[in-house]
Amino acid sequence: MDTIESKLRSLLAGESIGDGAHLCDFTLLEQNEATAAKGVTPVTPSTFVPVVKDTVTYIVMAILFNDDGDVLLMQEAKRSCAGQWYLPAGRMEPHENILDAVKREVLEETGLHMEPTTLVMVECASKAWFRFILTGNITGGQLKTPAQADSESLQAKWVRDMKEITLRANDIVPVIERGRIFCSEPHHPNILPALYPHDKLLLRLIVVIKQKSSNRVHVLLSEKTEVHFPMCEINHLKNLHATLRKFMVDIFGADVPVHKPHGLLNVEHCAQGANGAGDGLCLTVLVSFRVPLEEVFPIDKYTWLMINKDLGQLLMARMPRNMALPLNVIR
């Protein structure tokens, strides 16, 4: 129990806990077997391996504000959108970590040095597409001028009124608003990607429920192989909500009670080696049940653990809006 609670505290701090794919409770192979058992032919390869810029796409994006509340934008140089404006963003390169990638993109496209302080949001879509949106502080450099235009961008500037420019795409409008909310309202602690390599796309669940008789908080554990928080492989051809739903059904049965994903507690990624090793990631999602523990029964290898009151309060404090890292699942 002490080990589990220690790991839970680490996750609440955005840190890695060292659990990898060997603890996966619901692999793509097992998901495909469950699909085939219903008479449906699976379409997702059970042997999928995430490889950056090949089978998986990782995007980094920066939301940066100055003291006047202006947002940093760059003017596109690409022929397809030349002259239009966008947030500093781009694809991660092979063997590149998230923080290194966002610092590189900001420098290349705006001329400024950025020191990331936290993730603001993570977005994901089918076909293994993930976008990591970060904010931070400008630590140096010179704002790129038209005289310094290159293939990365034509220039950069601080923008207050978005109506004065032409955007490459309107998808950054809610992202900028999310950044402003993060800067002005109570929010989750600063969370940076935890450096831990994974060779699969993994989803870890911290499932929280209260016991009616004791009013104590419990978390769900898997007892497969060794005791750990439930973990499944992400089906890259489906949206993440579909993977979450399928995993919850595997744990609790088809009549799984109403539950709510609140967002992320951490993101684990560390690019390592060649041949795709380390190109995976693990997202830890906080989920809660609205009904009491007395009405929810895990199947087979899963069980509930009552945690100490202090830790339970910390978990409950991450349930309100903005207190977990937002996860935007694009359909």
Protein backbone atom coordinates (compact mmCIF):
# COMPACT_ATOMS: atom_id res chain seq x y z
CA MET A 1 0.00 0.00 0.00
CA ASP A 2 2.82 2.42 0.83
CA THR A 3 4.33 1.86 -2.63
CA ILE A 4 1.00 2.49 -4.36
CA GLU A 5 0.37 5.66 -2.40
CA SER A 6 3.91 6.87 -3.10
CA LYS A 7 3.36 6.30 -6.82
CA LEU A 8 0.04 8.13 -6.65
CA ARG A 9 1.73 11.15 -5.06
CA SER A 10 4.32 11.08 -7.84
CA LEU A 11 1.58 11.08 -10.49
CA LEU A 12 -0.14 14.01 -8.77
CA ALA A 13 3.17 15.85 -9.05
CA GLY A 14 3.34 15.04 -12.77
CA GLU A 15 6.24 12.63 -12.30
CA SER A 16 6.90 9.22 -13.84
CA ILE A 17 6.35 6.09 -11.75
CA GLY A 18 8.39 3.68 -13.87
CA ASP A 19 5.55 1.37 -14.92
CA GLY A 20 5.84 0.24 -18.54
CA ALA A 21 4.10 -1.88 -21.14
CA HIS A 22 4.95 -5.12 -19.29
CA LEU A 23 2.13 -4.19 -16.91
CA CYS A 24 -0.41 -3.56 -19.67
CA ASP A 25 -3.79 -5.09 -18.74
CA PHE A 26 -5.50 -4.73 -22.11
CA THR A 27 -3.17 -4.95 -25.11
CA LEU A 28 -4.16 -4.36 -28.72
CA LEU A 29 -4.09 -8.12 -29.19
CA GLU A 30 -6.57 -8.60 -26.33
CA GLN A 31 -8.73 -5.75 -27.62
CA ASN A 32 -8.80 -7.37 -31.06
CA GLU A 33 -9.73 -10.72 -29.52
CA ALA A 34 -12.62 -9.05 -27.69
CA THR A 35 -13.75 -7.44 -30.95
CA ALA A 36 -13.52 -10.74 -32.86
CA ALA A 37 -15.55 -12.48 -30.14
CA LYS A 38 -18.44 -10.18 -31.07
CA GLY A 39 -18.23 -11.28 -34.70
CA VAL A 40 -16.49 -8.09 -35.87
CA THR A 41 -13.24 -8.25 -37.82
CA PRO A 42 -10.54 -6.14 -36.10
CA VAL A 43 -8.79 -3.56 -38.28
CA THR A 44 -6.05 -2.42 -35.89
CA PRO A 45 -2.74 -4.31 -36.16
CA SER A 46 -1.93 -5.97 -32.84
CA THR A 47 1.77 -5.37 -33.44
CA PHE A 48 1.55 -1.58 -33.92
CA VAL A 49 4.79 0.22 -33.04
CA PRO A 50 4.85 4.04 -32.69
CA VAL A 51 7.61 5.63 -34.80
CA VAL A 52 7.86 9.42 -34.93
CA LYS A 53 7.03 10.98 -38.34
CA ASP A 54 6.01 7.54 -39.60
CA THR A 55 3.30 5.79 -37.59
CA VAL A 56 2.82 8.49 -34.91
CA THR A 57 2.63 12.29 -35.18
CA TYR A 58 3.69 14.44 -32.25
CA ILE A 59 3.10 18.21 -32.51
CA VAL A 60 4.36 20.83 -30.07
CA MET A 61 2.78 24.27 -29.72
CA ALA A 62 3.61 27.26 -27.53
CA ILE A 63 1.22 29.81 -25.98
CA LEU A 64 3.26 32.76 -24.73
CA PHE A 65 2.00 36.09 -23.39
CA ASN A 66 3.86 39.31 -22.60
CA ASP A 67 3.18 41.56 -19.63
CA ASP A 68 0.45 43.37 -21.58
CA GLY A 69 -1.42 40.15 -22.32
CA ASP A 70 -0.44 40.06 -26.01
CA VAL A 71 0.09 36.59 -27.50
CA LEU A 72 3.16 35.62 -29.51
CA LEU A 73 2.35 34.67 -33.13
CA MET A 74 4.45 33.88 -36.17
CA GLN A 75 3.75 34.57 -39.84
CA GLU A 76 3.87 31.49 -42.03
CA ALA A 77 6.42 31.11 -44.81
CA LYS A 78 5.02 27.88 -46.31
CA ARG A 79 3.63 28.39 -49.82
CA SER A 80 0.25 26.86 -48.87
CA CYS A 81 -0.37 29.43 -46.13
CA ALA A 82 2.25 32.15 -46.67
CA GLY A 83 1.47 35.41 -44.90
CA GLN A 84 -1.05 33.90 -42.50
CA TRP A 85 -0.51 33.84 -38.74
CA TYR A 86 -0.34 30.99 -36.25
CA LEU A 87 1.05 30.03 -32.86
CA PRO A 88 4.65 28.76 -32.88
CA ALA A 89 4.24 25.04 -33.56
CA GLY A 90 5.60 22.11 -35.48
CA ARG A 91 6.28 18.41 -35.64
CA MET A 92 8.68 16.73 -33.29
CA GLU A 93 11.71 15.16 -34.92
CA PRO A 94 12.93 11.57 -34.35
CA HIS A 95 14.87 11.16 -31.08
CA GLU A 96 13.57 14.55 -29.82
CA ASN A 97 11.88 15.14 -26.47
CA ILE A 98 8.82 17.36 -26.05
CA LEU A 99 10.58 20.20 -24.22
CA ASP A 100 13.48 20.32 -26.65
CA ALA A 101 11.04 20.36 -29.56
CA VAL A 102 8.94 23.28 -28.32
CA LYS A 103 12.04 25.35 -27.50
CA ARG A 104 13.41 24.64 -30.98
CA GLU A 105 10.16 25.60 -32.72
CA VAL A 106 9.81 28.86 -30.80
CA LEU A 107 13.39 29.86 -31.56
CA GLU A 108 13.18 28.94 -35.26
CA GLU A 109 9.86 30.67 -35.85
CA THR A 110 10.06 33.73 -33.56
CA GLY A 111 13.76 34.30 -32.79
CA LEU A 112 13.05 34.07 -29.05
CA HIS A 113 14.35 31.65 -26.44
CA MET A 114 11.63 29.98 -24.37
CA GLU A 115 11.86 28.12 -21.08
CA PRO A 116 8.75 25.89 -20.71
CA THR A 117 7.00 25.96 -17.34
CA THR A 118 3.99 23.70 -17.88
CA LEU A 119 1.74 21.87 -20.27
CA VAL A 120 -1.51 23.77 -20.77
CA MET A 121 -3.40 21.13 -22.73
CA VAL A 122 -2.92 17.90 -24.64
CA GLU A 123 -4.93 17.19 -27.78
CA CYS A 124 -5.23 13.89 -29.59
CA ALA A 125 -6.98 12.39 -32.58
CA SER A 126 -7.15 9.05 -34.34
CA LYS A 127 -4.25 7.78 -36.44
CA ALA A 128 -1.87 8.41 -33.52
CA TRP A 129 -1.92 12.23 -33.66
CA PHE A 130 -0.98 14.11 -30.46
CA ARG A 131 -0.42 17.83 -29.84
CA PHE A 132 1.34 19.05 -26.70
CA ILE A 133 0.56 22.69 -25.88
CA LEU A 134 2.92 24.40 -23.47
CA THR A 135 3.51 27.83 -21.97
CA GLY A 136 6.56 29.30 -20.34
CA ASN A 137 8.84 32.31 -20.11
CA ILE A 138 10.87 34.20 -22.71
CA THR A 139 14.48 34.16 -21.58
CA GLY A 140 16.27 35.91 -24.46
CA GLY A 141 16.65 36.32 -28.19
CA GLN A 142 15.35 38.95 -30.61
CA LEU A 143 11.88 39.01 -32.13
CA LYS A 144 12.18 37.95 -35.78
CA THR A 145 11.68 40.78 -38.26
CA PRO A 146 10.74 40.62 -41.98
CA ALA A 147 14.41 41.20 -42.78
CA GLN A 148 15.17 37.85 -41.08
CA ALA A 149 12.50 35.88 -42.96
CA ASP A 150 13.43 32.30 -43.81
CA SER A 151 11.77 28.97 -44.57
CA GLU A 152 10.57 28.70 -40.95
CA SER A 153 8.61 31.96 -40.83
CA LEU A 154 8.38 35.45 -42.31
CA GLN A 155 8.33 37.28 -38.97
CA ALA A 156 6.89 37.15 -35.46
CA LYS A 157 5.05 39.68 -33.32
CA TRP A 158 3.02 40.13 -30.16
CA VAL A 159 -0.67 40.38 -31.05
CA ARG A 160 -3.50 41.82 -28.97
CA ASP A 161 -6.41 42.02 -31.42
CA MET A 162 -6.80 38.79 -33.41
CA LYS A 163 -9.18 40.56 -35.80
CA GLU A 164 -6.28 42.55 -37.22
CA ILE A 165 -4.59 39.50 -38.74
CA THR A 166 -5.47 36.52 -40.93
CA LEU A 167 -5.07 33.21 -39.13
CA ARG A 168 -3.84 30.07 -40.85
CA ALA A 169 -6.56 28.14 -38.98
CA ASN A 170 -9.10 29.00 -36.32
CA ASP A 171 -8.19 25.98 -34.19
CA ILE A 172 -5.77 28.18 -32.22
CA VAL A 173 -8.53 30.54 -31.05
CA PRO A 174 -9.81 28.18 -28.28
CA VAL A 175 -6.19 27.21 -27.53
CA ILE A 176 -5.29 30.85 -26.88
CA GLU A 177 -8.40 31.24 -24.74
CA ARG A 178 -7.35 28.16 -22.76
CA GLY A 179 -3.97 29.80 -22.23
CA ARG A 180 -5.59 33.00 -20.94
CA ILE A 181 -7.81 31.00 -18.58
CA PHE A 182 -4.77 29.13 -17.30
CA CYS A 183 -3.00 32.41 -16.54
CA SER A 184 -5.97 34.06 -14.82
CA GLU A 185 -7.87 31.36 -12.92
CA PRO A 186 -7.02 28.62 -10.38
CA HIS A 187 -5.55 25.67 -12.22
CA HIS A 188 -3.57 22.49 -11.89
CA PRO A 189 0.04 22.66 -10.65
CA ASN A 190 2.71 23.13 -13.28
CA ILE A 191 3.10 19.85 -15.16
CA LEU A 192 5.98 19.18 -17.53
CA PRO A 193 6.35 15.92 -19.51
CA ALA A 194 8.02 13.28 -17.37
CA LEU A 195 11.09 11.76 -19.00
CA TYR A 196 10.38 8.05 -19.21
CA PRO A 197 10.63 5.96 -22.41
CA HIS A 198 7.77 3.82 -23.68
CA ASP A 199 7.67 1.64 -26.78
CA LYS A 200 3.85 1.61 -26.90
CA LEU A 201 1.04 4.17 -26.78
CA LEU A 202 -0.37 3.60 -23.30
CA LEU A 203 -3.30 4.87 -21.25
CA ARG A 204 -3.05 4.62 -17.46
CA LEU A 205 -6.19 5.09 -15.36
CA ILE A 206 -6.49 6.56 -11.90
CA VAL A 207 -10.09 5.60 -11.16
CA VAL A 208 -11.48 7.26 -8.03
CA ILE A 209 -14.60 6.47 -6.07
CA LYS A 210 -16.00 7.19 -2.59
CA GLN A 211 -17.34 4.58 -0.21
CA LYS A 212 -20.72 5.69 1.11
CA SER A 213 -20.41 3.99 4.50
CA SER A 214 -17.03 5.54 5.36
CA ASN A 215 -16.88 8.56 3.02
CA ARG A 216 -13.32 7.47 2.24
CA VAL A 217 -11.69 7.68 -1.18
CA HIS A 218 -10.70 4.45 -2.97
CA VAL A 219 -8.64 3.95 -6.13
CA LEU A 220 -8.75 1.06 -8.57
CA LEU A 221 -5.82 -1.37 -8.81
CA SER A 222 -4.93 -4.21 -11.12
CA GLU A 223 -3.52 -7.37 -9.56
CA LYS A 224 -2.35 -8.82 -12.87
CA THR A 225 1.32 -9.86 -12.49
CA GLU A 226 2.09 -7.22 -9.83
CA VAL A 227 -0.16 -4.63 -8.20
CA HIS A 228 -0.38 -1.47 -10.31
CA PHE A 229 -2.74 1.15 -11.66
CA PRO A 230 -4.79 -0.18 -14.62
CA MET A 231 -3.12 0.35 -17.98
CA CYS A 232 -4.14 -0.39 -21.56
CA GLU A 233 -2.70 0.07 -25.03
CA ILE A 234 -4.22 2.94 -27.03
CA ASN A 235 -5.96 1.90 -30.24
CA HIS A 236 -4.42 4.42 -32.63
CA LEU A 237 -7.19 3.98 -35.22
CA LYS A 238 -9.88 5.07 -32.74
CA ASN A 239 -10.29 8.25 -30.74
CA LEU A 240 -9.09 8.11 -27.15
CA HIS A 241 -12.61 8.14 -25.72
CA ALA A 242 -13.29 4.87 -27.55
CA THR A 243 -10.21 3.29 -25.99
CA LEU A 244 -11.22 4.53 -22.53
CA ARG A 245 -14.76 3.23 -22.93
CA LYS A 246 -13.60 -0.19 -24.10
CA PHE A 247 -11.14 -0.48 -21.22
CA MET A 248 -13.77 0.51 -18.64
CA VAL A 249 -16.10 -2.16 -20.05
CA ASP A 250 -13.29 -4.71 -19.80
CA ILE A 251 -12.82 -3.76 -16.14
CA PHE A 252 -16.44 -3.35 -15.01
CA GLY A 253 -18.58 -5.12 -17.62
CA ALA A 254 -21.00 -3.83 -20.22
CA ASP A 255 -23.15 -2.07 -17.62
CA VAL A 256 -20.31 0.08 -16.27
CA PRO A 257 -21.90 2.94 -14.25
CA VAL A 258 -21.65 6.58 -15.29
CA HIS A 259 -18.11 7.89 -14.93
CA LYS A 260 -16.24 11.06 -15.87
CA PRO A 261 -12.71 11.62 -17.17
CA HIS A 262 -11.37 14.83 -15.60
CA GLY A 263 -8.12 15.20 -17.53
CA LEU A 264 -4.50 14.18 -17.21
CA LEU A 265 -2.27 13.86 -14.17
CA ASN A 266 0.91 13.31 -16.15
CA VAL A 267 2.45 12.69 -19.57
CA GLU A 268 5.39 10.30 -19.87
CA HIS A 269 7.65 10.40 -22.93
CA CYS A 270 11.35 10.15 -23.62
CA ALA A 271 12.81 9.68 -27.09
CA GLN A 272 15.55 7.08 -27.03
CA GLY A 273 17.57 5.00 -29.41
CA ALA A 274 16.88 3.98 -32.98
CA ASN A 275 14.33 1.74 -34.70
CA GLY A 276 11.44 3.48 -32.94
CA ALA A 277 12.52 2.56 -29.41
CA GLY A 278 11.15 5.15 -27.03
CA ASP A 279 8.68 6.67 -29.52
CA GLY A 280 5.68 5.72 -27.39
CA LEU A 281 4.10 7.60 -24.50
CA CYS A 282 1.85 7.09 -21.50
CA LEU A 283 -1.06 9.36 -20.59
CA THR A 284 -2.42 9.11 -17.04
CA VAL A 285 -6.13 9.98 -16.97
CA LEU A 286 -8.07 10.80 -13.81
CA VAL A 287 -11.54 9.20 -13.83
CA SER A 288 -14.27 9.33 -11.17
CA PHE A 289 -17.54 7.53 -10.56
CA ARG A 290 -20.67 9.42 -9.57
CA VAL A 291 -22.14 6.43 -7.74
CA PRO A 292 -20.66 5.04 -4.48
CA LEU A 293 -18.26 2.13 -4.24
CA GLU A 294 -21.03 -0.09 -2.92
CA GLU A 295 -22.62 -0.02 -6.39
CA VAL A 296 -19.53 -0.63 -8.56
CA PHE A 297 -17.94 -4.07 -8.91
CA PRO A 298 -14.68 -4.62 -10.81
CA ILE A 299 -14.27 -7.91 -12.64
CA ASP A 300 -11.64 -10.56 -12.13
CA LYS A 301 -8.16 -9.12 -11.54
CA TYR A 302 -9.18 -5.64 -10.38
CA THR A 303 -9.82 -4.41 -6.84
CA TRP A 304 -10.42 -1.22 -4.84
CA LEU A 305 -7.88 0.21 -2.40
CA MET A 306 -8.82 2.69 0.33
CA ILE A 307 -6.15 5.40 0.53
CA ASN A 308 -5.29 7.64 3.46
CA LYS A 309 -7.44 10.70 4.05
CA ASP A 310 -4.77 13.23 3.13
CA LEU A 311 -4.09 11.59 -0.24
CA GLY A 312 -7.82 11.21 -0.83
CA GLN A 313 -8.30 14.95 -0.34
CA LEU A 314 -5.49 15.70 -2.79
CA LEU A 315 -7.19 13.51 -5.39
CA MET A 316 -10.60 15.09 -4.85
CA ALA A 317 -9.03 18.54 -5.21
CA ARG A 318 -8.06 17.64 -8.79
CA MET A 319 -11.66 16.94 -9.84
CA PRO A 320 -12.94 20.51 -10.44
CA ARG A 321 -12.58 22.25 -13.80
CA ASN A 322 -8.99 23.18 -14.73
CA MET A 323 -7.49 21.27 -11.80
CA ALA A 324 -6.36 18.39 -14.04
CA LEU A 325 -4.49 18.96 -17.29
CA PRO A 326 -7.14 19.29 -20.02
CA LEU A 327 -7.26 16.51 -22.59
CA ASN A 328 -9.04 17.48 -25.79
CA VAL A 329 -10.08 14.45 -27.83
CA ILE A 330 -10.66 15.53 -31.42
CA ARG A 331 -13.23 13.38 -33.19
